[in-house]
Amino acid sequence: PLTAKAISAEAGVDDFLAEATPEEKLSLIRREQEGGNLVAMTGD
């Protein structure tokens, strides 16, 4: 979280998810969608 916070501040993003696992990514997307948001992401 410490490193993530510094890089997110330098890049100018609004928020960050540190030490992310696949389950946490999925959970974050679902929370955003439940709040009425449309979510876009990349992956490989």
ModelCIF file with pLDDT and N, C-alpha, C, O atoms, coordinates in Angstrom:
data_MODEL
#
_entry.id   MODEL 
#
_entity.id                         1 
_entity.type                       polymer 
_entity.pdbx_number_of_molecules   1 
#
_entity_poly.entity_id                      1 
_entity_poly.type                           'polypeptide(L)' 
_entity_poly.nstd_linkage                   no 
_entity_poly.nstd_monomer                   no 
_entity_poly.pdbx_seq_one_letter_code       PLTAKAISAEAGVDDFLAEATPEEKLSLIRREQEGGNLVAMTGD 
_entity_poly.pdbx_seq_one_letter_code_can   PLTAKAISAEAGVDDFLAEATPEEKLSLIRREQEGGNLVAMTGD 
_entity_poly.pdbx_strand_id                 A 
#
loop_
_entity_poly_seq.entity_id 
_entity_poly_seq.num 
_entity_poly_seq.mon_id 
_entity_poly_seq.hetero 
1 1  PRO n 
1 2  LEU n 
1 3  THR n 
1 4  ALA n 
1 5  LYS n 
1 6  ALA n 
1 7  ILE n 
1 8  SER n 
1 9  ALA n 
1 10 GLU n 
1 11 ALA n 
1 12 GLY n 
1 13 VAL n 
1 14 ASP n 
1 15 ASP n 
1 16 PHE n 
1 17 LEU n 
1 18 ALA n 
1 19 GLU n 
1 20 ALA n 
1 21 THR n 
1 22 PRO n 
1 23 GLU n 
1 24 GLU n 
1 25 LYS n 
1 26 LEU n 
1 27 SER n 
1 28 LEU n 
1 29 ILE n 
1 30 ARG n 
1 31 ARG n 
1 32 GLU n 
1 33 GLN n 
1 34 GLU n 
1 35 GLY n 
1 36 GLY n 
1 37 ASN n 
1 38 LEU n 
1 39 VAL n 
1 40 ALA n 
1 41 MET n 
1 42 THR n 
1 43 GLY n 
1 44 ASP n 
#
_struct_asym.id          A 
_struct_asym.entity_id   1 
#
loop_
_ma_qa_metric.id 
_ma_qa_metric.mode 
_ma_qa_metric.name 
_ma_qa_metric.software_group_id 
_ma_qa_metric.type 
1 global pLDDT . pLDDT 
2 local  pLDDT . pLDDT 
#
_ma_qa_metric_global.metric_id      1 
_ma_qa_metric_global.metric_value   86.45 
_ma_qa_metric_global.model_id       1 
_ma_qa_metric_global.ordinal_id     1 
#
loop_
_ma_qa_metric_local.label_asym_id 
_ma_qa_metric_local.label_comp_id 
_ma_qa_metric_local.label_seq_id 
_ma_qa_metric_local.metric_id 
_ma_qa_metric_local.metric_value 
_ma_qa_metric_local.model_id 
_ma_qa_metric_local.ordinal_id 
A PRO 1  2 82.00 1 1  
A LEU 2  2 78.00 1 2  
A THR 3  2 77.00 1 3  
A ALA 4  2 83.00 1 4  
A LYS 5  2 86.00 1 5  
A ALA 6  2 83.00 1 6  
A ILE 7  2 85.00 1 7  
A SER 8  2 88.00 1 8  
A ALA 9  2 88.00 1 9  
A GLU 10 2 86.00 1 10 
A ALA 11 2 87.00 1 11 
A GLY 12 2 89.00 1 12 
A VAL 13 2 91.00 1 13 
A ASP 14 2 92.00 1 14 
A ASP 15 2 92.00 1 15 
A PHE 16 2 91.00 1 16 
A LEU 17 2 89.00 1 17 
A ALA 18 2 86.00 1 18 
A GLU 19 2 79.00 1 19 
A ALA 20 2 80.00 1 20 
A THR 21 2 79.00 1 21 
A PRO 22 2 79.00 1 22 
A GLU 23 2 83.00 1 23 
A GLU 24 2 86.00 1 24 
A LYS 25 2 86.00 1 25 
A LEU 26 2 88.00 1 26 
A SER 27 2 90.00 1 27 
A LEU 28 2 91.00 1 28 
A ILE 29 2 91.00 1 29 
A ARG 30 2 92.00 1 30 
A ARG 31 2 92.00 1 31 
A GLU 32 2 91.00 1 32 
A GLN 33 2 91.00 1 33 
A GLU 34 2 91.00 1 34 
A GLY 35 2 89.00 1 35 
A GLY 36 2 87.00 1 36 
A ASN 37 2 88.00 1 37 
A LEU 38 2 90.00 1 38 
A VAL 39 2 92.00 1 39 
A ALA 40 2 91.00 1 40 
A MET 41 2 89.00 1 41 
A THR 42 2 83.00 1 42 
A GLY 43 2 79.00 1 43 
A ASP 44 2 74.00 1 44 
#
loop_
_atom_site.group_PDB 
_atom_site.id 
_atom_site.type_symbol 
_atom_site.label_atom_id 
_atom_site.label_alt_id 
_atom_site.label_comp_id 
_atom_site.label_asym_id 
_atom_site.label_entity_id 
_atom_site.label_seq_id 
_atom_site.pdbx_PDB_ins_code 
_atom_site.Cartn_x 
_atom_site.Cartn_y 
_atom_site.Cartn_z 
_atom_site.occupancy 
_atom_site.B_iso_or_equiv 
_atom_site.pdbx_formal_charge 
_atom_site.auth_seq_id 
_atom_site.auth_comp_id 
_atom_site.auth_asym_id 
_atom_site.auth_atom_id 
_atom_site.pdbx_PDB_model_num 
ATOM 1   N N  . PRO A 1 1  ? 0.800   -1.232  0.000   1.00 82.00 ? 1  PRO A N  1 
ATOM 2   C CA . PRO A 1 1  ? 0.000   0.000   0.000   1.00 82.00 ? 1  PRO A CA 1 
ATOM 3   C C  . PRO A 1 1  ? 0.825   1.271   0.000   1.00 82.00 ? 1  PRO A C  1 
ATOM 4   O O  . PRO A 1 1  ? 0.417   2.267   -0.597  1.00 82.00 ? 1  PRO A O  1 
ATOM 5   N N  . LEU A 1 2  ? 1.996   1.261   0.665   1.00 78.00 ? 2  LEU A N  1 
ATOM 6   C CA . LEU A 1 2  ? 2.823   2.457   0.736   1.00 78.00 ? 2  LEU A CA 1 
ATOM 7   C C  . LEU A 1 2  ? 3.331   2.844   -0.648  1.00 78.00 ? 2  LEU A C  1 
ATOM 8   O O  . LEU A 1 2  ? 3.231   4.001   -1.057  1.00 78.00 ? 2  LEU A O  1 
ATOM 9   N N  . THR A 1 3  ? 3.878   1.862   -1.362  1.00 77.00 ? 3  THR A N  1 
ATOM 10  C CA . THR A 1 3  ? 4.375   2.115   -2.717  1.00 77.00 ? 3  THR A CA 1 
ATOM 11  C C  . THR A 1 3  ? 3.231   2.482   -3.657  1.00 77.00 ? 3  THR A C  1 
ATOM 12  O O  . THR A 1 3  ? 3.359   3.393   -4.474  1.00 77.00 ? 3  THR A O  1 
ATOM 13  N N  . ALA A 1 4  ? 2.113   1.770   -3.537  1.00 83.00 ? 4  ALA A N  1 
ATOM 14  C CA . ALA A 1 4  ? 0.956   2.033   -4.398  1.00 83.00 ? 4  ALA A CA 1 
ATOM 15  C C  . ALA A 1 4  ? 0.439   3.452   -4.209  1.00 83.00 ? 4  ALA A C  1 
ATOM 16  O O  . ALA A 1 4  ? 0.065   4.116   -5.175  1.00 83.00 ? 4  ALA A O  1 
ATOM 17  N N  . LYS A 1 5  ? 0.418   3.909   -2.979  1.00 86.00 ? 5  LYS A N  1 
ATOM 18  C CA . LYS A 1 5  ? -0.072  5.261   -2.703  1.00 86.00 ? 5  LYS A CA 1 
ATOM 19  C C  . LYS A 1 5  ? 0.818   6.314   -3.349  1.00 86.00 ? 5  LYS A C  1 
ATOM 20  O O  . LYS A 1 5  ? 0.325   7.291   -3.912  1.00 86.00 ? 5  LYS A O  1 
ATOM 21  N N  . ALA A 1 6  ? 2.123   6.113   -3.266  1.00 83.00 ? 6  ALA A N  1 
ATOM 22  C CA . ALA A 1 6  ? 3.052   7.086   -3.839  1.00 83.00 ? 6  ALA A CA 1 
ATOM 23  C C  . ALA A 1 6  ? 2.930   7.143   -5.356  1.00 83.00 ? 6  ALA A C  1 
ATOM 24  O O  . ALA A 1 6  ? 2.886   8.230   -5.933  1.00 83.00 ? 6  ALA A O  1 
ATOM 25  N N  . ILE A 1 7  ? 2.873   5.978   -6.008  1.00 85.00 ? 7  ILE A N  1 
ATOM 26  C CA . ILE A 1 7  ? 2.793   5.954   -7.474  1.00 85.00 ? 7  ILE A CA 1 
ATOM 27  C C  . ILE A 1 7  ? 1.454   6.497   -7.959  1.00 85.00 ? 7  ILE A C  1 
ATOM 28  O O  . ILE A 1 7  ? 1.396   7.204   -8.965  1.00 85.00 ? 7  ILE A O  1 
ATOM 29  N N  . SER A 1 8  ? 0.373   6.167   -7.246  1.00 88.00 ? 8  SER A N  1 
ATOM 30  C CA . SER A 1 8  ? -0.943  6.674   -7.656  1.00 88.00 ? 8  SER A CA 1 
ATOM 31  C C  . SER A 1 8  ? -0.999  8.189   -7.550  1.00 88.00 ? 8  SER A C  1 
ATOM 32  O O  . SER A 1 8  ? -1.623  8.853   -8.378  1.00 88.00 ? 8  SER A O  1 
ATOM 33  N N  . ALA A 1 9  ? -0.339  8.742   -6.516  1.00 88.00 ? 9  ALA A N  1 
ATOM 34  C CA . ALA A 1 9  ? -0.310  10.203  -6.374  1.00 88.00 ? 9  ALA A CA 1 
ATOM 35  C C  . ALA A 1 9  ? 0.503   10.836  -7.497  1.00 88.00 ? 9  ALA A C  1 
ATOM 36  O O  . ALA A 1 9  ? 0.117   11.875  -8.032  1.00 88.00 ? 9  ALA A O  1 
ATOM 37  N N  . GLU A 1 10 ? 1.635   10.213  -7.861  1.00 86.00 ? 10 GLU A N  1 
ATOM 38  C CA . GLU A 1 10 ? 2.473   10.752  -8.931  1.00 86.00 ? 10 GLU A CA 1 
ATOM 39  C C  . GLU A 1 10 ? 1.770   10.688  -10.283 1.00 86.00 ? 10 GLU A C  1 
ATOM 40  O O  . GLU A 1 10 ? 1.891   11.600  -11.100 1.00 86.00 ? 10 GLU A O  1 
ATOM 41  N N  . ALA A 1 11 ? 1.028   9.589   -10.511 1.00 87.00 ? 11 ALA A N  1 
ATOM 42  C CA . ALA A 1 11 ? 0.350   9.415   -11.799 1.00 87.00 ? 11 ALA A CA 1 
ATOM 43  C C  . ALA A 1 11 ? -0.929  10.232  -11.905 1.00 87.00 ? 11 ALA A C  1 
ATOM 44  O O  . ALA A 1 11 ? -1.379  10.547  -13.006 1.00 87.00 ? 11 ALA A O  1 
ATOM 45  N N  . GLY A 1 12 ? -1.515  10.576  -10.761 1.00 89.00 ? 12 GLY A N  1 
ATOM 46  C CA . GLY A 1 12 ? -2.731  11.374  -10.786 1.00 89.00 ? 12 GLY A CA 1 
ATOM 47  C C  . GLY A 1 12 ? -4.009  10.568  -10.870 1.00 89.00 ? 12 GLY A C  1 
ATOM 48  O O  . GLY A 1 12 ? -5.049  11.095  -11.265 1.00 89.00 ? 12 GLY A O  1 
ATOM 49  N N  . VAL A 1 13 ? -3.948  9.258   -10.492 1.00 91.00 ? 13 VAL A N  1 
ATOM 50  C CA . VAL A 1 13 ? -5.177  8.459   -10.487 1.00 91.00 ? 13 VAL A CA 1 
ATOM 51  C C  . VAL A 1 13 ? -5.987  8.782   -9.242  1.00 91.00 ? 13 VAL A C  1 
ATOM 52  O O  . VAL A 1 13 ? -5.462  9.314   -8.263  1.00 91.00 ? 13 VAL A O  1 
ATOM 53  N N  . ASP A 1 14 ? -7.271  8.454   -9.292  1.00 92.00 ? 14 ASP A N  1 
ATOM 54  C CA . ASP A 1 14 ? -8.165  8.818   -8.197  1.00 92.00 ? 14 ASP A CA 1 
ATOM 55  C C  . ASP A 1 14 ? -8.087  7.850   -7.021  1.00 92.00 ? 14 ASP A C  1 
ATOM 56  O O  . ASP A 1 14 ? -8.323  8.253   -5.882  1.00 92.00 ? 14 ASP A O  1 
ATOM 57  N N  . ASP A 1 15 ? -7.762  6.586   -7.272  1.00 92.00 ? 15 ASP A N  1 
ATOM 58  C CA . ASP A 1 15 ? -7.740  5.597   -6.195  1.00 92.00 ? 15 ASP A CA 1 
ATOM 59  C C  . ASP A 1 15 ? -6.817  4.456   -6.604  1.00 92.00 ? 15 ASP A C  1 
ATOM 60  O O  . ASP A 1 15 ? -6.367  4.398   -7.748  1.00 92.00 ? 15 ASP A O  1 
ATOM 61  N N  . PHE A 1 16 ? -6.536  3.556   -5.681  1.00 91.00 ? 16 PHE A N  1 
ATOM 62  C CA . PHE A 1 16 ? -5.692  2.410   -5.995  1.00 91.00 ? 16 PHE A CA 1 
ATOM 63  C C  . PHE A 1 16 ? -6.131  1.199   -5.188  1.00 91.00 ? 16 PHE A C  1 
ATOM 64  O O  . PHE A 1 16 ? -6.733  1.316   -4.121  1.00 91.00 ? 16 PHE A O  1 
ATOM 65  N N  . LEU A 1 17 ? -5.806  0.027   -5.739  1.00 89.00 ? 17 LEU A N  1 
ATOM 66  C CA . LEU A 1 17 ? -6.019  -1.235  -5.045  1.00 89.00 ? 17 LEU A CA 1 
ATOM 67  C C  . LEU A 1 17 ? -4.666  -1.920  -4.968  1.00 89.00 ? 17 LEU A C  1 
ATOM 68  O O  . LEU A 1 17 ? -4.135  -2.372  -5.982  1.00 89.00 ? 17 LEU A O  1 
ATOM 69  N N  . ALA A 1 18 ? -4.092  -1.999  -3.733  1.00 86.00 ? 18 ALA A N  1 
ATOM 70  C CA . ALA A 1 18 ? -2.767  -2.565  -3.536  1.00 86.00 ? 18 ALA A CA 1 
ATOM 71  C C  . ALA A 1 18 ? -2.863  -4.049  -3.196  1.00 86.00 ? 18 ALA A C  1 
ATOM 72  O O  . ALA A 1 18 ? -3.898  -4.539  -2.742  1.00 86.00 ? 18 ALA A O  1 
ATOM 73  N N  . GLU A 1 19 ? -1.738  -4.757  -3.431  1.00 79.00 ? 19 GLU A N  1 
ATOM 74  C CA . GLU A 1 19 ? -1.653  -6.191  -3.136  1.00 79.00 ? 19 GLU A CA 1 
ATOM 75  C C  . GLU A 1 19 ? -2.879  -6.931  -3.687  1.00 79.00 ? 19 GLU A C  1 
ATOM 76  O O  . GLU A 1 19 ? -3.487  -7.766  -3.017  1.00 79.00 ? 19 GLU A O  1 
ATOM 77  N N  . ALA A 1 20 ? -3.213  -6.587  -4.936  1.00 80.00 ? 20 ALA A N  1 
ATOM 78  C CA . ALA A 1 20 ? -4.457  -7.091  -5.546  1.00 80.00 ? 20 ALA A CA 1 
ATOM 79  C C  . ALA A 1 20 ? -4.320  -8.546  -5.957  1.00 80.00 ? 20 ALA A C  1 
ATOM 80  O O  . ALA A 1 20 ? -3.309  -8.944  -6.537  1.00 80.00 ? 20 ALA A O  1 
ATOM 81  N N  . THR A 1 21 ? -5.316  -9.318  -5.662  1.00 79.00 ? 21 THR A N  1 
ATOM 82  C CA . THR A 1 21 ? -5.432  -10.705 -6.116  1.00 79.00 ? 21 THR A CA 1 
ATOM 83  C C  . THR A 1 21 ? -6.565  -10.772 -7.138  1.00 79.00 ? 21 THR A C  1 
ATOM 84  O O  . THR A 1 21 ? -7.373  -9.845  -7.208  1.00 79.00 ? 21 THR A O  1 
ATOM 85  N N  . PRO A 1 22 ? -6.649  -11.853 -7.942  1.00 79.00 ? 22 PRO A N  1 
ATOM 86  C CA . PRO A 1 22 ? -7.768  -11.973 -8.889  1.00 79.00 ? 22 PRO A CA 1 
ATOM 87  C C  . PRO A 1 22 ? -9.126  -11.850 -8.221  1.00 79.00 ? 22 PRO A C  1 
ATOM 88  O O  . PRO A 1 22 ? -10.047 -11.263 -8.789  1.00 79.00 ? 22 PRO A O  1 
ATOM 89  N N  . GLU A 1 23 ? -9.259  -12.405 -7.009  1.00 83.00 ? 23 GLU A N  1 
ATOM 90  C CA . GLU A 1 23 ? -10.539 -12.329 -6.295  1.00 83.00 ? 23 GLU A CA 1 
ATOM 91  C C  . GLU A 1 23 ? -10.857 -10.894 -5.896  1.00 83.00 ? 23 GLU A C  1 
ATOM 92  O O  . GLU A 1 23 ? -12.013 -10.472 -5.940  1.00 83.00 ? 23 GLU A O  1 
ATOM 93  N N  . GLU A 1 24 ? -9.824  -10.143 -5.504  1.00 86.00 ? 24 GLU A N  1 
ATOM 94  C CA . GLU A 1 24 ? -10.060 -8.753  -5.098  1.00 86.00 ? 24 GLU A CA 1 
ATOM 95  C C  . GLU A 1 24 ? -10.416 -7.884  -6.299  1.00 86.00 ? 24 GLU A C  1 
ATOM 96  O O  . GLU A 1 24 ? -11.233 -6.970  -6.184  1.00 86.00 ? 24 GLU A O  1 
ATOM 97  N N  . LYS A 1 25 ? -9.800  -8.165  -7.466  1.00 86.00 ? 25 LYS A N  1 
ATOM 98  C CA . LYS A 1 25 ? -10.167 -7.431  -8.689  1.00 86.00 ? 25 LYS A CA 1 
ATOM 99  C C  . LYS A 1 25 ? -11.642 -7.654  -9.015  1.00 86.00 ? 25 LYS A C  1 
ATOM 100 O O  . LYS A 1 25 ? -12.379 -6.709  -9.295  1.00 86.00 ? 25 LYS A O  1 
ATOM 101 N N  . LEU A 1 26 ? -12.056 -8.914  -8.973  1.00 88.00 ? 26 LEU A N  1 
ATOM 102 C CA . LEU A 1 26 ? -13.446 -9.254  -9.276  1.00 88.00 ? 26 LEU A CA 1 
ATOM 103 C C  . LEU A 1 26 ? -14.387 -8.604  -8.285  1.00 88.00 ? 26 LEU A C  1 
ATOM 104 O O  . LEU A 1 26 ? -15.441 -8.095  -8.667  1.00 88.00 ? 26 LEU A O  1 
ATOM 105 N N  . SER A 1 27 ? -14.017 -8.618  -7.023  1.00 90.00 ? 27 SER A N  1 
ATOM 106 C CA . SER A 1 27 ? -14.851 -8.008  -5.983  1.00 90.00 ? 27 SER A CA 1 
ATOM 107 C C  . SER A 1 27 ? -14.972 -6.503  -6.184  1.00 90.00 ? 27 SER A C  1 
ATOM 108 O O  . SER A 1 27 ? -16.048 -5.934  -5.998  1.00 90.00 ? 27 SER A O  1 
ATOM 109 N N  . LEU A 1 28 ? -13.873 -5.858  -6.563  1.00 91.00 ? 28 LEU A N  1 
ATOM 110 C CA . LEU A 1 28 ? -13.900 -4.409  -6.802  1.00 91.00 ? 28 LEU A CA 1 
ATOM 111 C C  . LEU A 1 28 ? -14.833 -4.068  -7.954  1.00 91.00 ? 28 LEU A C  1 
ATOM 112 O O  . LEU A 1 28 ? -15.609 -3.116  -7.866  1.00 91.00 ? 28 LEU A O  1 
ATOM 113 N N  . ILE A 1 29 ? -14.759 -4.846  -9.040  1.00 91.00 ? 29 ILE A N  1 
ATOM 114 C CA . ILE A 1 29 ? -15.630 -4.587  -10.194 1.00 91.00 ? 29 ILE A CA 1 
ATOM 115 C C  . ILE A 1 29 ? -17.098 -4.731  -9.800  1.00 91.00 ? 29 ILE A C  1 
ATOM 116 O O  . ILE A 1 29 ? -17.930 -3.907  -10.179 1.00 91.00 ? 29 ILE A O  1 
ATOM 117 N N  . ARG A 1 30 ? -17.406 -5.763  -9.052  1.00 92.00 ? 30 ARG A N  1 
ATOM 118 C CA . ARG A 1 30 ? -18.797 -5.988  -8.645  1.00 92.00 ? 30 ARG A CA 1 
ATOM 119 C C  . ARG A 1 30 ? -19.299 -4.866  -7.746  1.00 92.00 ? 30 ARG A C  1 
ATOM 120 O O  . ARG A 1 30 ? -20.449 -4.446  -7.870  1.00 92.00 ? 30 ARG A O  1 
ATOM 121 N N  . ARG A 1 31 ? -18.456 -4.376  -6.844  1.00 92.00 ? 31 ARG A N  1 
ATOM 122 C CA . ARG A 1 31 ? -18.866 -3.270  -5.970  1.00 92.00 ? 31 ARG A CA 1 
ATOM 123 C C  . ARG A 1 31 ? -19.153 -2.019  -6.785  1.00 92.00 ? 31 ARG A C  1 
ATOM 124 O O  . ARG A 1 31 ? -20.123 -1.307  -6.527  1.00 92.00 ? 31 ARG A O  1 
ATOM 125 N N  . GLU A 1 32 ? -18.302 -1.758  -7.773  1.00 91.00 ? 32 GLU A N  1 
ATOM 126 C CA . GLU A 1 32 ? -18.518 -0.582  -8.623  1.00 91.00 ? 32 GLU A CA 1 
ATOM 127 C C  . GLU A 1 32 ? -19.819 -0.719  -9.404  1.00 91.00 ? 32 GLU A C  1 
ATOM 128 O O  . GLU A 1 32 ? -20.579 0.243   -9.515  1.00 91.00 ? 32 GLU A O  1 
ATOM 129 N N  . GLN A 1 33 ? -20.076 -1.891  -9.940  1.00 91.00 ? 33 GLN A N  1 
ATOM 130 C CA . GLN A 1 33 ? -21.293 -2.102  -10.730 1.00 91.00 ? 33 GLN A CA 1 
ATOM 131 C C  . GLN A 1 33 ? -22.543 -2.029  -9.864  1.00 91.00 ? 33 GLN A C  1 
ATOM 132 O O  . GLN A 1 33 ? -23.579 -1.528  -10.300 1.00 91.00 ? 33 GLN A O  1 
ATOM 133 N N  . GLU A 1 34 ? -22.446 -2.525  -8.650  1.00 91.00 ? 34 GLU A N  1 
ATOM 134 C CA . GLU A 1 34 ? -23.592 -2.426  -7.736  1.00 91.00 ? 34 GLU A CA 1 
ATOM 135 C C  . GLU A 1 34 ? -23.904 -0.977  -7.389  1.00 91.00 ? 34 GLU A C  1 
ATOM 136 O O  . GLU A 1 34 ? -25.037 -0.638  -7.048  1.00 91.00 ? 34 GLU A O  1 
ATOM 137 N N  . GLY A 1 35 ? -22.888 -0.128  -7.481  1.00 89.00 ? 35 GLY A N  1 
ATOM 138 C CA . GLY A 1 35 ? -23.096 1.291   -7.245  1.00 89.00 ? 35 GLY A CA 1 
ATOM 139 C C  . GLY A 1 35 ? -23.577 2.047   -8.464  1.00 89.00 ? 35 GLY A C  1 
ATOM 140 O O  . GLY A 1 35 ? -23.668 3.274   -8.437  1.00 89.00 ? 35 GLY A O  1 
ATOM 141 N N  . GLY A 1 36 ? -23.889 1.324   -9.543  1.00 87.00 ? 36 GLY A N  1 
ATOM 142 C CA . GLY A 1 36 ? -24.422 1.962   -10.752 1.00 87.00 ? 36 GLY A CA 1 
ATOM 143 C C  . GLY A 1 36 ? -23.371 2.403   -11.745 1.00 87.00 ? 36 GLY A C  1 
ATOM 144 O O  . GLY A 1 36 ? -23.692 3.125   -12.689 1.00 87.00 ? 36 GLY A O  1 
ATOM 145 N N  . ASN A 1 37 ? -22.121 1.994   -11.565 1.00 88.00 ? 37 ASN A N  1 
ATOM 146 C CA . ASN A 1 37 ? -21.042 2.390   -12.468 1.00 88.00 ? 37 ASN A CA 1 
ATOM 147 C C  . ASN A 1 37 ? -20.818 1.345   -13.551 1.00 88.00 ? 37 ASN A C  1 
ATOM 148 O O  . ASN A 1 37 ? -21.054 0.156   -13.337 1.00 88.00 ? 37 ASN A O  1 
ATOM 149 N N  . LEU A 1 38 ? -20.360 1.795   -14.716 1.00 90.00 ? 38 LEU A N  1 
ATOM 150 C CA . LEU A 1 38 ? -19.903 0.904   -15.776 1.00 90.00 ? 38 LEU A CA 1 
ATOM 151 C C  . LEU A 1 38 ? -18.387 0.854   -15.710 1.00 90.00 ? 38 LEU A C  1 
ATOM 152 O O  . LEU A 1 38 ? -17.725 1.889   -15.642 1.00 90.00 ? 38 LEU A O  1 
ATOM 153 N N  . VAL A 1 39 ? -17.835 -0.369  -15.730 1.00 92.00 ? 39 VAL A N  1 
ATOM 154 C CA . VAL A 1 39 ? -16.417 -0.566  -15.450 1.00 92.00 ? 39 VAL A CA 1 
ATOM 155 C C  . VAL A 1 39 ? -15.697 -1.076  -16.687 1.00 92.00 ? 39 VAL A C  1 
ATOM 156 O O  . VAL A 1 39 ? -16.203 -1.936  -17.408 1.00 92.00 ? 39 VAL A O  1 
ATOM 157 N N  . ALA A 1 40 ? -14.496 -0.529  -16.922 1.00 91.00 ? 40 ALA A N  1 
ATOM 158 C CA . ALA A 1 40 ? -13.615 -1.018  -17.986 1.00 91.00 ? 40 ALA A CA 1 
ATOM 159 C C  . ALA A 1 40 ? -12.288 -1.411  -17.365 1.00 91.00 ? 40 ALA A C  1 
ATOM 160 O O  . ALA A 1 40 ? -11.809 -0.763  -16.435 1.00 91.00 ? 40 ALA A O  1 
ATOM 161 N N  . MET A 1 41 ? -11.691 -2.491  -17.894 1.00 89.00 ? 41 MET A N  1 
ATOM 162 C CA . MET A 1 41 ? -10.374 -2.902  -17.418 1.00 89.00 ? 41 MET A CA 1 
ATOM 163 C C  . MET A 1 41 ? -9.630  -3.661  -18.510 1.00 89.00 ? 41 MET A C  1 
ATOM 164 O O  . MET A 1 41 ? -10.222 -4.103  -19.494 1.00 89.00 ? 41 MET A O  1 
ATOM 165 N N  . THR A 1 42 ? -8.320  -3.805  -18.317 1.00 83.00 ? 42 THR A N  1 
ATOM 166 C CA . THR A 1 42 ? -7.496  -4.578  -19.236 1.00 83.00 ? 42 THR A CA 1 
ATOM 167 C C  . THR A 1 42 ? -6.911  -5.779  -18.503 1.00 83.00 ? 42 THR A C  1 
ATOM 168 O O  . THR A 1 42 ? -6.833  -5.796  -17.275 1.00 83.00 ? 42 THR A O  1 
ATOM 169 N N  . GLY A 1 43 ? -6.500  -6.782  -19.274 1.00 79.00 ? 43 GLY A N  1 
ATOM 170 C CA . GLY A 1 43 ? -5.872  -7.954  -18.683 1.00 79.00 ? 43 GLY A CA 1 
ATOM 171 C C  . GLY A 1 43 ? -5.294  -8.835  -19.763 1.00 79.00 ? 43 GLY A C  1 
ATOM 172 O O  . GLY A 1 43 ? -5.667  -8.728  -20.931 1.00 79.00 ? 43 GLY A O  1 
ATOM 173 N N  . ASP A 1 44 ? -4.373  -9.716  -19.368 1.00 74.00 ? 44 ASP A N  1 
ATOM 174 C CA . ASP A 1 44 ? -3.769  -10.612 -20.356 1.00 74.00 ? 44 ASP A CA 1 
ATOM 175 C C  . ASP A 1 44 ? -3.604  -12.039 -19.855 1.00 74.00 ? 44 ASP A C  1 
ATOM 176 O O  . ASP A 1 44 ? -3.108  -12.897 -20.586 1.00 74.00 ? 44 ASP A O  1 
#
